[in-house]
PDB file of N, CA and C in Angstrom:
ATOM      1  N   UNK A   1     -20.244  16.751   1.039  1.00  0.00           N
ATOM      2  CA  UNK A   1     -19.933  15.665   1.282  1.00  0.00           C
ATOM      3  C   UNK A   1     -20.642  14.804   1.555  1.00  0.00           C
ATOM      4  N   UNK A   2     -21.097  14.436   2.784  1.00  0.00           N
ATOM      5  CA  UNK A   2     -22.044  13.445   3.582  1.00  0.00           C
ATOM      6  C   UNK A   2     -23.509  13.377   2.666  1.00  0.00           C
ATOM      7  N   UNK A   3     -23.998  14.918   2.269  1.00  0.00           N
ATOM      8  CA  UNK A   3     -25.362  14.272   1.139  1.00  0.00           C
ATOM      9  C   UNK A   3     -25.133  14.032   0.069  1.00  0.00           C
ATOM     10  N   UNK A   4     -24.102  13.995  -0.213  1.00  0.00           N
ATOM     11  CA  UNK A   4     -23.896  13.408  -1.814  1.00  0.00           C
ATOM     12  C   UNK A   4     -23.475  11.833  -1.463  1.00  0.00           C
ATOM     13  N   UNK A   5     -23.052  11.790  -0.583  1.00  0.00           N
ATOM     14  CA  UNK A   5     -22.852  10.645  -0.336  1.00  0.00           C
ATOM     15  C   UNK A   5     -24.215   9.503   0.522  1.00  0.00           C
ATOM     16  N   UNK A   6     -25.028  10.388   0.667  1.00  0.00           N
ATOM     17  CA  UNK A   6     -26.147   9.575   1.573  1.00  0.00           C
ATOM     18  C   UNK A   6     -27.377   9.560   0.002  1.00  0.00           C
ATOM     19  N   UNK A   7     -27.068  10.579  -0.521  1.00  0.00           N
ATOM     20  CA  UNK A   7     -27.750  10.665  -2.034  1.00  0.00           C
ATOM     21  C   UNK A   7     -27.721   9.708  -2.643  1.00  0.00           C
ATOM     22  N   UNK A   8     -26.246   9.406  -3.088  1.00  0.00           N
ATOM     23  CA  UNK A   8     -25.775   8.026  -3.998  1.00  0.00           C
ATOM     24  C   UNK A   8     -26.492   6.693  -3.342  1.00  0.00           C
ATOM     25  N   UNK A   9     -26.138   6.532  -2.268  1.00  0.00           N
ATOM     26  CA  UNK A   9     -26.450   5.521  -1.759  1.00  0.00           C
ATOM     27  C   UNK A   9     -27.879   5.053  -1.670  1.00  0.00           C
ATOM     28  N   UNK A  10     -29.215   6.099  -1.297  1.00  0.00           N
ATOM     29  CA  UNK A  10     -29.801   5.894  -1.156  1.00  0.00           C
ATOM     30  C   UNK A  10     -30.671   5.579  -3.004  1.00  0.00           C
ATOM     31  N   UNK A  11     -29.971   6.228  -4.003  1.00  0.00           N
ATOM     32  CA  UNK A  11     -29.936   5.719  -5.253  1.00  0.00           C
ATOM     33  C   UNK A  11     -29.922   4.924  -5.804  1.00  0.00           C
ATOM     34  N   UNK A  12     -28.419   4.802  -5.319  1.00  0.00           N
ATOM     35  CA  UNK A  12     -27.847   3.221  -6.513  1.00  0.00           C
ATOM     36  C   UNK A  12     -27.657   2.184  -5.566  1.00  0.00           C
ATOM     37  N   UNK A  13     -27.935   2.445  -3.917  1.00  0.00           N
ATOM     38  CA  UNK A  13     -28.105   0.958  -3.252  1.00  0.00           C
ATOM     39  C   UNK A  13     -26.947   0.601  -2.468  1.00  0.00           C
ATOM     40  N   UNK A  14     -26.404  -0.440  -2.425  1.00  0.00           N
ATOM     41  CA  UNK A  14     -25.548  -1.451  -2.281  1.00  0.00           C
ATOM     42  C   UNK A  14     -24.235  -1.485  -3.252  1.00  0.00           C
ATOM     43  N   UNK A  15     -24.523  -1.085  -4.528  1.00  0.00           N
ATOM     44  CA  UNK A  15     -23.260  -0.996  -5.479  1.00  0.00           C
ATOM     45  C   UNK A  15     -22.467   0.030  -4.573  1.00  0.00           C
ATOM     46  N   UNK A  16     -23.042   1.458  -4.486  1.00  0.00           N
ATOM     47  CA  UNK A  16     -22.024   2.427  -4.178  1.00  0.00           C
ATOM     48  C   UNK A  16     -20.929   1.934  -2.805  1.00  0.00           C
ATOM     49  N   UNK A  17     -21.892   1.580  -1.879  1.00  0.00           N
ATOM     50  CA  UNK A  17     -20.927   0.724  -1.264  1.00  0.00           C
ATOM     51  C   UNK A  17     -19.812  -0.185  -1.179  1.00  0.00           C
ATOM     52  N   UNK A  18     -20.547  -1.233  -2.348  1.00  0.00           N
ATOM     53  CA  UNK A  18     -19.665  -2.219  -3.018  1.00  0.00           C
ATOM     54  C   UNK A  18     -18.279  -1.650  -3.141  1.00  0.00           C
ATOM     55  N   UNK A  19     -18.552  -0.652  -3.976  1.00  0.00           N
ATOM     56  CA  UNK A  19     -17.273   0.253  -4.625  1.00  0.00           C
ATOM     57  C   UNK A  19     -16.471   1.277  -3.577  1.00  0.00           C
ATOM     58  N   UNK A  20     -17.121   1.754  -2.980  1.00  0.00           N
ATOM     59  CA  UNK A  20     -16.020   2.232  -1.796  1.00  0.00           C
ATOM     60  C   UNK A  20     -15.308   1.245  -0.774  1.00  0.00           C
ATOM     61  N   UNK A  21     -15.855   0.035  -0.822  1.00  0.00           N
ATOM     62  CA  UNK A  21     -15.384  -0.741  -0.086  1.00  0.00           C
ATOM     63  C   UNK A  21     -14.050  -1.406  -1.252  1.00  0.00           C
ATOM     64  N   UNK A  22     -14.380  -1.736  -1.957  1.00  0.00           N
ATOM     65  CA  UNK A  22     -13.057  -2.312  -2.991  1.00  0.00           C
ATOM     66  C   UNK A  22     -12.131  -1.333  -3.484  1.00  0.00           C
ATOM     67  N   UNK A  23     -12.373  -0.392  -3.407  1.00  0.00           N
ATOM     68  CA  UNK A  23     -11.633   0.727  -3.512  1.00  0.00           C
ATOM     69  C   UNK A  23     -10.666   1.164  -1.889  1.00  0.00           C
ATOM     70  N   UNK A  24     -11.614   0.964  -0.614  1.00  0.00           N
ATOM     71  CA  UNK A  24     -10.810   0.705   0.251  1.00  0.00           C
ATOM     72  C   UNK A  24      -9.700  -0.148   0.612  1.00  0.00           C
ATOM     73  N   UNK A  25     -10.122  -1.480   0.040  1.00  0.00           N
ATOM     74  CA  UNK A  25      -9.337  -2.346   0.139  1.00  0.00           C
ATOM     75  C   UNK A  25      -8.218  -2.494  -0.548  1.00  0.00           C
ATOM     76  N   UNK A  26      -8.356  -1.757  -1.903  1.00  0.00           N
ATOM     77  CA  UNK A  26      -7.653  -2.016  -2.585  1.00  0.00           C
ATOM     78  C   UNK A  26      -6.469  -0.762  -2.322  1.00  0.00           C
ATOM     79  N   UNK A  27      -6.852   0.199  -1.710  1.00  0.00           N
ATOM     80  CA  UNK A  27      -5.731   0.934  -1.181  1.00  0.00           C
ATOM     81  C   UNK A  27      -4.851   0.448   0.163  1.00  0.00           C
ATOM     82  N   UNK A  28      -5.709  -0.967   1.000  1.00  0.00           N
ATOM     83  CA  UNK A  28      -4.853  -1.470   2.209  1.00  0.00           C
ATOM     84  C   UNK A  28      -3.756  -2.159   1.240  1.00  0.00           C
ATOM     85  N   UNK A  29      -4.472  -2.930   0.251  1.00  0.00           N
ATOM     86  CA  UNK A  29      -3.299  -3.781  -0.346  1.00  0.00           C
ATOM     87  C   UNK A  29      -2.218  -3.080  -0.804  1.00  0.00           C
ATOM     88  N   UNK A  30      -2.212  -2.006  -1.379  1.00  0.00           N
ATOM     89  CA  UNK A  30      -1.049  -0.977  -1.977  1.00  0.00           C
ATOM     90  C   UNK A  30      -0.526  -0.653  -0.723  1.00  0.00           C
ATOM     91  N   UNK A  31      -0.911   0.032   0.319  1.00  0.00           N
ATOM     92  CA  UNK A  31      -0.354  -0.296   1.460  1.00  0.00           C
ATOM     93  C   UNK A  31       0.660  -1.139   1.917  1.00  0.00           C
ATOM     94  N   UNK A  32       0.074  -2.222   2.029  1.00  0.00           N
ATOM     95  CA  UNK A  32       0.700  -3.348   2.438  1.00  0.00           C
ATOM     96  C   UNK A  32       1.767  -3.878   1.531  1.00  0.00           C
ATOM     97  N   UNK A  33       1.892  -3.413   0.437  1.00  0.00           N
ATOM     98  CA  UNK A  33       2.753  -3.982  -0.664  1.00  0.00           C
ATOM     99  C   UNK A  33       4.007  -3.191  -0.591  1.00  0.00           C
ATOM    100  N   UNK A  34       3.634  -1.631  -0.473  1.00  0.00           N
ATOM    101  CA  UNK A  34       4.740  -0.451  -0.258  1.00  0.00           C
ATOM    102  C   UNK A  34       5.373  -0.989   1.230  1.00  0.00           C
ATOM    103  N   UNK A  35       4.885  -1.318   1.964  1.00  0.00           N
ATOM    104  CA  UNK A  35       5.547  -1.824   3.424  1.00  0.00           C
ATOM    105  C   UNK A  35       6.575  -2.926   3.252  1.00  0.00           C
ATOM    106  N   UNK A  36       6.218  -3.511   2.192  1.00  0.00           N
ATOM    107  CA  UNK A  36       6.921  -5.145   2.265  1.00  0.00           C
ATOM    108  C   UNK A  36       8.396  -4.744   1.536  1.00  0.00           C
ATOM    109  N   UNK A  37       7.782  -4.064   0.077  1.00  0.00           N
ATOM    110  CA  UNK A  37       8.802  -3.423  -0.747  1.00  0.00           C
ATOM    111  C   UNK A  37      10.074  -2.479   0.221  1.00  0.00           C
ATOM    112  N   UNK A  38       9.326  -1.885   0.806  1.00  0.00           N
ATOM    113  CA  UNK A  38      10.553  -0.942   1.860  1.00  0.00           C
ATOM    114  C   UNK A  38      11.086  -1.761   2.902  1.00  0.00           C
ATOM    115  N   UNK A  39      10.909  -2.539   3.497  1.00  0.00           N
ATOM    116  CA  UNK A  39      11.417  -2.984   4.183  1.00  0.00           C
ATOM    117  C   UNK A  39      12.579  -3.727   3.437  1.00  0.00           C
ATOM    118  N   UNK A  40      12.140  -4.877   2.228  1.00  0.00           N
ATOM    119  CA  UNK A  40      13.016  -5.630   1.330  1.00  0.00           C
ATOM    120  C   UNK A  40      14.229  -4.698   0.684  1.00  0.00           C
ATOM    121  N   UNK A  41      13.826  -3.207   0.347  1.00  0.00           N
ATOM    122  CA  UNK A  41      15.179  -2.440   0.130  1.00  0.00           C
ATOM    123  C   UNK A  41      15.776  -2.221   1.560  1.00  0.00           C
ATOM    124  N   UNK A  42      15.459  -1.867   2.534  1.00  0.00           N
ATOM    125  CA  UNK A  42      16.227  -1.849   3.682  1.00  0.00           C
ATOM    126  C   UNK A  42      17.198  -2.998   3.993  1.00  0.00           C
ATOM    127  N   UNK A  43      16.684  -4.053   3.714  1.00  0.00           N
ATOM    128  CA  UNK A  43      17.482  -5.080   3.926  1.00  0.00           C
ATOM    129  C   UNK A  43      18.625  -5.607   2.949  1.00  0.00           C
ATOM    130  N   UNK A  44      18.240  -5.325   1.898  1.00  0.00           N
ATOM    131  CA  UNK A  44      19.086  -5.044   0.631  1.00  0.00           C
ATOM    132  C   UNK A  44      20.142  -3.990   0.959  1.00  0.00           C
ATOM    133  N   UNK A  45      19.852  -2.927   1.572  1.00  0.00           N
ATOM    134  CA  UNK A  45      21.000  -1.865   1.679  1.00  0.00           C
ATOM    135  C   UNK A  45      22.135  -2.509   2.589  1.00  0.00           C
ATOM    136  N   UNK A  46      21.412  -3.118   3.868  1.00  0.00           N
ATOM    137  CA  UNK A  46      21.939  -3.520   5.031  1.00  0.00           C
ATOM    138  C   UNK A  46      23.103  -4.697   4.794  1.00  0.00           C
ATOM    139  N   UNK A  47      22.700  -5.441   3.875  1.00  0.00           N
ATOM    140  CA  UNK A  47      23.560  -6.240   3.323  1.00  0.00           C
ATOM    141  C   UNK A  47      24.488  -6.188   1.761  1.00  0.00           C
ATOM    142  N   UNK A  48      24.249  -5.283   1.622  1.00  0.00           N
ATOM    143  CA  UNK A  48      25.217  -4.477   0.383  1.00  0.00           C
ATOM    144  C   UNK A  48      26.029  -3.816   1.357  1.00  0.00           C
ATOM    145  N   UNK A  49      25.909  -3.225   2.432  1.00  0.00           N
ATOM    146  CA  UNK A  49      26.854  -2.641   3.177  1.00  0.00           C
ATOM    147  C   UNK A  49      28.237  -3.497   3.816  1.00  0.00           C
ATOM    148  N   UNK A  50      27.326  -4.440   4.303  1.00  0.00           N
ATOM    149  CA  UNK A  50      27.666  -5.461   4.956  1.00  0.00           C
ATOM    150  C   UNK A  50      29.075  -5.836   3.692  1.00  0.00           C
ATOM    151  N   UNK A  51      28.936  -6.233   2.719  1.00  0.00           N
ATOM    152  CA  UNK A  51      29.588  -7.075   1.712  1.00  0.00           C
ATOM    153  C   UNK A  51      30.823  -6.305   1.562  1.00  0.00           C
ATOM    154  N   UNK A  52      30.542  -4.908   1.313  1.00  0.00           N
ATOM    155  CA  UNK A  52      31.524  -3.757   1.182  1.00  0.00           C
ATOM    156  C   UNK A  52      32.453  -3.746   2.320  1.00  0.00           C
ATOM    157  N   UNK A  53      31.844  -3.840   3.526  1.00  0.00           N
ATOM    158  CA  UNK A  53      33.116  -3.716   4.559  1.00  0.00           C
ATOM    159  C   UNK A  53      33.772  -4.818   4.475  1.00  0.00           C
ATOM    160  N   UNK A  54      33.593  -6.095   4.264  1.00  0.00           N
ATOM    161  CA  UNK A  54      33.992  -7.234   4.092  1.00  0.00           C
ATOM    162  C   UNK A  54      35.070  -7.254   3.199  1.00  0.00           C
ATOM    163  N   UNK A  55      35.026  -6.774   1.867  1.00  0.00           N
ATOM    164  CA  UNK A  55      35.644  -7.068   0.804  1.00  0.00           C
ATOM    165  C   UNK A  55      36.749  -5.956   0.966  1.00  0.00           C
ATOM    166  N   UNK A  56      38.056  -7.150   0.382  1.00  0.00           N
ATOM    167  CA  UNK A  56      39.381  -5.805   0.642  1.00  0.00           C
ATOM    168  C   UNK A  56      39.422  -5.019  -0.242  1.00  0.00           C
ATOM    169  N   UNK A  57      39.983  -3.921   0.367  1.00  0.00           N
ATOM    170  CA  UNK A  57      39.773  -2.713  -0.488  1.00  0.00           C
ATOM    171  C   UNK A  57      41.379  -2.494  -1.357  1.00  0.00           C
ATOM    172  N   UNK A  58      41.170  -2.883  -2.735  1.00  0.00           N
ATOM    173  CA  UNK A  58      42.095  -2.698  -3.454  1.00  0.00           C
ATOM    174  C   UNK A  58      42.561  -1.658  -4.243  1.00  0.00           C
TER     175      UNK A  58
END
């Protein structure tokens, strides 16, 4: 794997490094988005539970 990476960098120069960097940053952004969505889901579940507990049962 490292030989292929070294060959690609030596043949195509900084373009390869830039593509890998952009893919890495995109993956970081996706993970941050997932974390925020998971936290929001947890908060909504807690709010729903609190509302259901306080509503009169009929």
